[in-house]
Amino acid sequence: MISKYKMQVLIIDSSIRIIERLEEIISEAETVTTINKAVSYGEAKKLFEKNKYDMVLLDIDLPENESLQILKEIKKASGKPCVIILFTYIDNYIQEQYKFFGTDYFFDKYYDFEKISGLLCSLSFINTKNDFEKRKSG
């Protein structure tokens, strides 16, 4: 049996309560080994420069449009993690802008948190399969 790929997750949100709730949900997933948290662009940038993440949960409402800036930097980096934008309200123009710069998913902070567990399992399975194929062919 193939062992599950263990994922590293970064949560970037200006609300400590949101971070705590996300951490609860994510920590229940057997596929996650590391959860790092940041409440600002500066903290997130430091963490991202030191670590390689498989998934980033990013608050769209960071001050001064910092969410878009960190998204650009995340997607330039090697590994290109899955990025989920967390929002309470998003209009079509903003959503298209974030898609253009590489957002993978958009989750509503009120209704979509429970989808995170399933997505973590799916991504872990895909990464496990990809690692297995690399070892098999290499």
N, C-alpha and C. Protein backbone atom coordinates (compact mmCIF):
# COMPACT_ATOMS: atom_id res chain seq x y z
N MET A 1 0.83 -1.19 0.00
CA MET A 1 0.00 0.00 0.00
C MET A 1 0.88 1.25 0.00
N ILE A 2 0.50 2.24 -0.75
CA ILE A 2 1.24 3.49 -0.85
C ILE A 2 0.92 4.34 0.37
N SER A 3 1.98 4.85 1.05
CA SER A 3 1.71 5.73 2.19
C SER A 3 1.26 7.09 1.68
N LYS A 4 0.43 7.74 2.48
CA LYS A 4 -0.12 9.04 2.07
C LYS A 4 0.96 10.12 2.12
N TYR A 5 0.92 10.97 1.14
CA TYR A 5 1.78 12.14 1.08
C TYR A 5 1.40 13.07 2.23
N LYS A 6 2.37 13.56 2.96
CA LYS A 6 2.13 14.46 4.08
C LYS A 6 2.32 15.90 3.61
N MET A 7 1.33 16.71 3.81
CA MET A 7 1.31 18.06 3.28
C MET A 7 1.67 19.12 4.31
N GLN A 8 2.21 20.23 3.79
CA GLN A 8 2.49 21.40 4.61
C GLN A 8 1.55 22.51 4.17
N VAL A 9 0.90 23.14 5.14
CA VAL A 9 -0.13 24.14 4.86
C VAL A 9 0.25 25.46 5.52
N LEU A 10 0.00 26.55 4.79
CA LEU A 10 0.18 27.89 5.33
C LEU A 10 -1.17 28.60 5.31
N ILE A 11 -1.55 29.14 6.47
CA ILE A 11 -2.79 29.92 6.59
C ILE A 11 -2.40 31.39 6.74
N ILE A 12 -2.93 32.23 5.86
CA ILE A 12 -2.67 33.68 5.94
C ILE A 12 -4.02 34.38 6.06
N ASP A 13 -4.28 34.92 7.24
CA ASP A 13 -5.55 35.60 7.46
C ASP A 13 -5.36 36.66 8.53
N SER A 14 -6.02 37.78 8.38
CA SER A 14 -5.89 38.87 9.35
C SER A 14 -6.72 38.62 10.61
N SER A 15 -7.57 37.60 10.61
CA SER A 15 -8.40 37.29 11.76
C SER A 15 -7.87 36.06 12.50
N ILE A 16 -7.51 36.25 13.75
CA ILE A 16 -7.03 35.13 14.58
C ILE A 16 -8.13 34.06 14.71
N ARG A 17 -9.37 34.46 14.83
CA ARG A 17 -10.48 33.49 14.96
C ARG A 17 -10.59 32.60 13.72
N ILE A 18 -10.46 33.20 12.55
CA ILE A 18 -10.51 32.42 11.32
C ILE A 18 -9.33 31.45 11.28
N ILE A 19 -8.16 31.93 11.63
CA ILE A 19 -6.97 31.07 11.64
C ILE A 19 -7.20 29.89 12.59
N GLU A 20 -7.70 30.15 13.78
CA GLU A 20 -7.94 29.08 14.75
C GLU A 20 -8.94 28.06 14.23
N ARG A 21 -10.00 28.52 13.59
CA ARG A 21 -11.01 27.60 13.04
C ARG A 21 -10.42 26.76 11.91
N LEU A 22 -9.67 27.40 11.03
CA LEU A 22 -9.03 26.66 9.95
C LEU A 22 -8.03 25.64 10.48
N GLU A 23 -7.29 26.04 11.50
CA GLU A 23 -6.32 25.13 12.10
C GLU A 23 -7.01 23.89 12.68
N GLU A 24 -8.16 24.09 13.32
CA GLU A 24 -8.95 22.96 13.84
C GLU A 24 -9.32 21.99 12.72
N ILE A 25 -9.86 22.55 11.65
CA ILE A 25 -10.31 21.71 10.53
C ILE A 25 -9.13 20.97 9.90
N ILE A 26 -8.07 21.70 9.64
CA ILE A 26 -6.92 21.12 8.94
C ILE A 26 -6.20 20.10 9.81
N SER A 27 -6.09 20.35 11.10
CA SER A 27 -5.36 19.43 11.98
C SER A 27 -6.04 18.07 12.09
N GLU A 28 -7.32 17.99 11.75
CA GLU A 28 -8.03 16.71 11.76
C GLU A 28 -7.63 15.83 10.58
N ALA A 29 -7.06 16.43 9.55
CA ALA A 29 -6.67 15.66 8.36
C ALA A 29 -5.38 14.90 8.63
N GLU A 30 -5.39 13.61 8.37
CA GLU A 30 -4.21 12.78 8.57
C GLU A 30 -3.11 13.10 7.56
N THR A 31 -3.46 13.82 6.53
CA THR A 31 -2.52 14.08 5.44
C THR A 31 -1.66 15.32 5.68
N VAL A 32 -1.85 16.03 6.79
CA VAL A 32 -1.12 17.26 7.04
C VAL A 32 -0.11 17.07 8.17
N THR A 33 1.14 17.48 7.93
CA THR A 33 2.16 17.39 8.96
C THR A 33 2.47 18.74 9.59
N THR A 34 2.36 19.80 8.79
CA THR A 34 2.73 21.12 9.28
C THR A 34 1.66 22.14 8.93
N ILE A 35 1.31 22.95 9.93
CA ILE A 35 0.41 24.08 9.70
C ILE A 35 1.13 25.32 10.24
N ASN A 36 1.45 26.24 9.35
CA ASN A 36 2.01 27.52 9.76
C ASN A 36 0.97 28.59 9.57
N LYS A 37 1.07 29.65 10.38
CA LYS A 37 0.06 30.71 10.36
C LYS A 37 0.72 32.07 10.27
N ALA A 38 0.05 32.98 9.55
CA ALA A 38 0.51 34.36 9.45
C ALA A 38 -0.70 35.27 9.44
N VAL A 39 -0.57 36.43 10.08
CA VAL A 39 -1.67 37.40 10.11
C VAL A 39 -1.37 38.61 9.24
N SER A 40 -0.20 38.63 8.62
CA SER A 40 0.18 39.78 7.80
C SER A 40 1.02 39.33 6.61
N TYR A 41 1.15 40.24 5.67
CA TYR A 41 1.99 40.01 4.49
C TYR A 41 3.42 39.72 4.91
N GLY A 42 3.96 40.52 5.84
CA GLY A 42 5.35 40.35 6.28
C GLY A 42 5.60 38.98 6.88
N GLU A 43 4.72 38.55 7.77
CA GLU A 43 4.86 37.22 8.39
C GLU A 43 4.76 36.13 7.34
N ALA A 44 3.80 36.26 6.43
CA ALA A 44 3.60 35.25 5.39
C ALA A 44 4.82 35.15 4.49
N LYS A 45 5.37 36.28 4.12
CA LYS A 45 6.54 36.30 3.24
C LYS A 45 7.72 35.60 3.89
N LYS A 46 7.96 35.87 5.16
CA LYS A 46 9.06 35.21 5.88
C LYS A 46 8.87 33.69 5.90
N LEU A 47 7.66 33.26 6.22
CA LEU A 47 7.38 31.82 6.27
C LEU A 47 7.53 31.18 4.90
N PHE A 48 7.02 31.86 3.89
CA PHE A 48 7.06 31.30 2.55
C PHE A 48 8.49 31.20 2.02
N GLU A 49 9.33 32.13 2.40
CA GLU A 49 10.73 32.10 1.95
C GLU A 49 11.50 30.97 2.62
N LYS A 50 11.09 30.57 3.84
CA LYS A 50 11.79 29.52 4.58
C LYS A 50 11.26 28.11 4.30
N ASN A 51 10.01 27.99 3.88
CA ASN A 51 9.36 26.68 3.78
C ASN A 51 8.73 26.48 2.42
N LYS A 52 8.52 25.23 2.10
CA LYS A 52 7.81 24.87 0.87
C LYS A 52 6.44 24.33 1.28
N TYR A 53 5.39 24.93 0.74
CA TYR A 53 4.04 24.55 1.11
C TYR A 53 3.32 23.85 -0.04
N ASP A 54 2.42 22.95 0.34
CA ASP A 54 1.58 22.26 -0.63
C ASP A 54 0.27 23.00 -0.83
N MET A 55 -0.17 23.69 0.22
CA MET A 55 -1.43 24.43 0.17
C MET A 55 -1.29 25.73 0.95
N VAL A 56 -1.85 26.80 0.38
CA VAL A 56 -1.90 28.09 1.06
C VAL A 56 -3.35 28.55 1.07
N LEU A 57 -3.84 28.88 2.27
CA LEU A 57 -5.17 29.46 2.43
C LEU A 57 -4.93 30.95 2.67
N LEU A 58 -5.42 31.78 1.76
CA LEU A 58 -5.08 33.20 1.75
C LEU A 58 -6.33 34.08 1.84
N ASP A 59 -6.36 34.91 2.87
CA ASP A 59 -7.44 35.87 3.07
C ASP A 59 -7.37 36.95 2.00
N ILE A 60 -8.46 37.16 1.28
CA ILE A 60 -8.48 38.18 0.22
C ILE A 60 -8.47 39.59 0.79
N ASP A 61 -8.78 39.73 2.07
CA ASP A 61 -8.94 41.04 2.68
C ASP A 61 -7.73 41.53 3.48
N LEU A 62 -6.53 41.08 3.13
CA LEU A 62 -5.36 41.65 3.79
C LEU A 62 -5.26 43.12 3.40
N PRO A 63 -4.75 43.98 4.29
CA PRO A 63 -4.69 45.41 4.00
C PRO A 63 -3.84 45.75 2.77
N GLU A 64 -4.17 46.86 2.13
CA GLU A 64 -3.39 47.45 1.04
C GLU A 64 -3.14 46.49 -0.13
N ASN A 65 -4.11 45.65 -0.43
CA ASN A 65 -4.02 44.72 -1.55
C ASN A 65 -2.84 43.75 -1.43
N GLU A 66 -2.42 43.49 -0.19
CA GLU A 66 -1.29 42.59 0.04
C GLU A 66 -1.60 41.15 -0.36
N SER A 67 -2.86 40.79 -0.37
CA SER A 67 -3.24 39.42 -0.76
C SER A 67 -2.82 39.14 -2.18
N LEU A 68 -3.07 40.05 -3.07
CA LEU A 68 -2.70 39.87 -4.47
C LEU A 68 -1.18 39.81 -4.61
N GLN A 69 -0.47 40.63 -3.87
CA GLN A 69 0.99 40.64 -3.94
C GLN A 69 1.58 39.31 -3.47
N ILE A 70 1.09 38.81 -2.34
CA ILE A 70 1.63 37.53 -1.84
C ILE A 70 1.24 36.39 -2.77
N LEU A 71 0.07 36.44 -3.37
CA LEU A 71 -0.33 35.42 -4.35
C LEU A 71 0.67 35.39 -5.51
N LYS A 72 1.03 36.54 -6.03
CA LYS A 72 1.99 36.61 -7.14
C LYS A 72 3.33 35.99 -6.73
N GLU A 73 3.78 36.31 -5.53
CA GLU A 73 5.06 35.78 -5.06
C GLU A 73 4.99 34.27 -4.84
N ILE A 74 3.89 33.79 -4.29
CA ILE A 74 3.72 32.35 -4.06
C ILE A 74 3.76 31.60 -5.38
N LYS A 75 3.08 32.10 -6.38
CA LYS A 75 2.99 31.40 -7.66
C LYS A 75 4.29 31.48 -8.46
N LYS A 76 5.17 32.42 -8.14
CA LYS A 76 6.48 32.50 -8.80
C LYS A 76 7.45 31.48 -8.23
N ALA A 77 7.25 31.11 -6.99
CA ALA A 77 8.17 30.23 -6.28
C ALA A 77 8.09 28.80 -6.82
N SER A 78 9.13 28.05 -6.54
CA SER A 78 9.14 26.65 -6.96
C SER A 78 8.12 25.86 -6.16
N GLY A 79 7.58 24.85 -6.74
CA GLY A 79 6.59 24.02 -6.07
C GLY A 79 5.17 24.43 -6.33
N LYS A 80 4.93 25.71 -6.55
CA LYS A 80 3.61 26.25 -6.86
C LYS A 80 2.49 25.54 -6.10
N PRO A 81 2.32 25.90 -4.84
CA PRO A 81 1.28 25.24 -4.03
C PRO A 81 -0.13 25.56 -4.52
N CYS A 82 -1.06 24.74 -4.10
CA CYS A 82 -2.48 25.00 -4.32
C CYS A 82 -2.85 26.21 -3.47
N VAL A 83 -3.45 27.22 -4.08
CA VAL A 83 -3.84 28.42 -3.35
C VAL A 83 -5.36 28.54 -3.32
N ILE A 84 -5.87 28.68 -2.09
CA ILE A 84 -7.30 28.88 -1.88
C ILE A 84 -7.49 30.30 -1.35
N ILE A 85 -8.27 31.08 -2.05
CA ILE A 85 -8.60 32.42 -1.60
C ILE A 85 -9.83 32.33 -0.70
N LEU A 86 -9.74 32.92 0.48
CA LEU A 86 -10.84 32.96 1.44
C LEU A 86 -11.48 34.34 1.39
N PHE A 87 -12.80 34.37 1.26
CA PHE A 87 -13.48 35.66 1.11
C PHE A 87 -14.81 35.67 1.85
N THR A 88 -15.28 36.88 2.14
CA THR A 88 -16.65 37.05 2.62
C THR A 88 -17.49 37.65 1.51
N TYR A 89 -16.86 38.43 0.64
CA TYR A 89 -17.52 38.97 -0.54
C TYR A 89 -16.46 39.11 -1.63
N ILE A 90 -16.84 38.74 -2.86
CA ILE A 90 -15.92 38.90 -3.98
C ILE A 90 -16.74 39.20 -5.23
N ASP A 91 -16.33 40.23 -5.97
CA ASP A 91 -17.04 40.51 -7.22
C ASP A 91 -16.32 39.83 -8.39
N ASN A 92 -16.96 39.77 -9.53
CA ASN A 92 -16.43 39.05 -10.68
C ASN A 92 -15.08 39.57 -11.15
N TYR A 93 -14.91 40.90 -11.16
CA TYR A 93 -13.65 41.48 -11.61
C TYR A 93 -12.48 41.03 -10.72
N ILE A 94 -12.68 41.12 -9.42
CA ILE A 94 -11.63 40.71 -8.47
C ILE A 94 -11.35 39.22 -8.60
N GLN A 95 -12.39 38.42 -8.72
CA GLN A 95 -12.20 36.98 -8.86
C GLN A 95 -11.40 36.66 -10.12
N GLU A 96 -11.68 37.31 -11.23
CA GLU A 96 -10.94 37.08 -12.47
C GLU A 96 -9.48 37.50 -12.31
N GLN A 97 -9.25 38.58 -11.60
CA GLN A 97 -7.89 39.05 -11.36
C GLN A 97 -7.10 38.00 -10.57
N TYR A 98 -7.71 37.46 -9.54
CA TYR A 98 -7.04 36.45 -8.74
C TYR A 98 -6.84 35.15 -9.52
N LYS A 99 -7.79 34.78 -10.34
CA LYS A 99 -7.63 33.60 -11.20
C LYS A 99 -6.45 33.78 -12.14
N PHE A 100 -6.34 34.97 -12.73
CA PHE A 100 -5.26 35.27 -13.66
C PHE A 100 -3.89 35.05 -13.00
N PHE A 101 -3.78 35.40 -11.74
CA PHE A 101 -2.50 35.25 -11.05
C PHE A 101 -2.32 33.89 -10.37
N GLY A 102 -3.24 32.97 -10.61
CA GLY A 102 -2.98 31.59 -10.23
C GLY A 102 -3.78 31.00 -9.09
N THR A 103 -4.85 31.65 -8.65
CA THR A 103 -5.67 31.06 -7.60
C THR A 103 -6.30 29.77 -8.10
N ASP A 104 -6.27 28.74 -7.26
CA ASP A 104 -6.83 27.45 -7.63
C ASP A 104 -8.29 27.31 -7.22
N TYR A 105 -8.64 27.83 -6.04
CA TYR A 105 -10.00 27.71 -5.52
C TYR A 105 -10.38 28.99 -4.76
N PHE A 106 -11.68 29.24 -4.70
CA PHE A 106 -12.25 30.34 -3.92
C PHE A 106 -13.23 29.74 -2.92
N PHE A 107 -13.01 29.99 -1.63
CA PHE A 107 -13.89 29.47 -0.60
C PHE A 107 -14.47 30.63 0.20
N ASP A 108 -15.79 30.60 0.36
CA ASP A 108 -16.50 31.57 1.18
C ASP A 108 -16.24 31.25 2.65
N LYS A 109 -15.87 32.26 3.42
CA LYS A 109 -15.56 32.04 4.84
C LYS A 109 -16.76 31.58 5.65
N TYR A 110 -17.96 31.87 5.19
CA TYR A 110 -19.16 31.46 5.93
C TYR A 110 -19.64 30.06 5.58
N TYR A 111 -19.44 29.63 4.35
CA TYR A 111 -20.09 28.41 3.89
C TYR A 111 -19.17 27.28 3.44
N ASP A 112 -17.92 27.55 3.17
CA ASP A 112 -17.09 26.55 2.47
C ASP A 112 -15.97 25.91 3.29
N PHE A 113 -15.82 26.24 4.56
CA PHE A 113 -14.70 25.69 5.32
C PHE A 113 -14.69 24.16 5.36
N GLU A 114 -15.85 23.56 5.39
CA GLU A 114 -15.91 22.10 5.48
C GLU A 114 -15.38 21.42 4.21
N LYS A 115 -15.28 22.16 3.12
CA LYS A 115 -14.74 21.59 1.87
C LYS A 115 -13.23 21.39 1.95
N ILE A 116 -12.58 22.05 2.88
CA ILE A 116 -11.12 22.00 2.97
C ILE A 116 -10.62 20.59 3.25
N SER A 117 -11.27 19.86 4.13
CA SER A 117 -10.84 18.49 4.46
C SER A 117 -10.82 17.59 3.23
N GLY A 118 -11.88 17.64 2.46
CA GLY A 118 -11.95 16.83 1.24
C GLY A 118 -10.89 17.21 0.23
N LEU A 119 -10.64 18.50 0.11
CA LEU A 119 -9.61 18.96 -0.82
C LEU A 119 -8.22 18.51 -0.38
N LEU A 120 -7.96 18.56 0.92
CA LEU A 120 -6.67 18.08 1.44
C LEU A 120 -6.46 16.60 1.11
N CYS A 121 -7.50 15.80 1.29
CA CYS A 121 -7.40 14.37 0.97
C CYS A 121 -7.14 14.15 -0.52
N SER A 122 -7.85 14.89 -1.35
CA SER A 122 -7.67 14.76 -2.80
C SER A 122 -6.26 15.15 -3.22
N LEU A 123 -5.77 16.27 -2.70
CA LEU A 123 -4.43 16.72 -3.06
C LEU A 123 -3.36 15.76 -2.55
N SER A 124 -3.57 15.21 -1.37
CA SER A 124 -2.63 14.24 -0.83
C SER A 124 -2.56 13.00 -1.72
N PHE A 125 -3.73 12.53 -2.18
CA PHE A 125 -3.77 11.37 -3.07
C PHE A 125 -3.03 11.66 -4.37
N ILE A 126 -3.27 12.83 -4.94
CA ILE A 126 -2.61 13.20 -6.21
C ILE A 126 -1.10 13.28 -6.01
N ASN A 127 -0.66 13.91 -4.92
CA ASN A 127 0.78 14.02 -4.66
C ASN A 127 1.41 12.67 -4.38
N THR A 128 0.70 11.79 -3.67
CA THR A 128 1.20 10.44 -3.42
C THR A 128 1.38 9.69 -4.73
N LYS A 129 0.39 9.78 -5.60
CA LYS A 129 0.47 9.12 -6.90
C LYS A 129 1.62 9.67 -7.73
N ASN A 130 1.78 10.99 -7.74
CA ASN A 130 2.88 11.61 -8.50
C ASN A 130 4.25 11.19 -7.96
N ASP A 131 4.40 11.15 -6.62
CA ASP A 131 5.66 10.70 -6.02
C ASP A 131 5.95 9.26 -6.38
N PHE A 132 4.93 8.40 -6.33
CA PHE A 132 5.09 7.00 -6.68
C PHE A 132 5.54 6.85 -8.13
N GLU A 133 4.91 7.60 -9.03
CA GLU A 133 5.28 7.53 -10.45
C GLU A 133 6.70 8.02 -10.67
N LYS A 134 7.13 9.06 -9.96
CA LYS A 134 8.51 9.56 -10.10
C LYS A 134 9.51 8.49 -9.65
N ARG A 135 9.25 7.85 -8.52
CA ARG A 135 10.15 6.82 -8.02
C ARG A 135 10.18 5.61 -8.95
N LYS A 136 9.02 5.29 -9.49
CA LYS A 136 8.90 4.13 -10.37
C LYS A 136 9.70 4.35 -11.66
N SER A 137 9.62 5.56 -12.22
CA SER A 137 10.29 5.84 -13.49
C SER A 137 11.76 6.23 -13.29
N GLY A 138 12.12 6.65 -12.07
CA GLY A 138 13.48 7.15 -11.81
C GLY A 138 14.32 6.12 -11.25
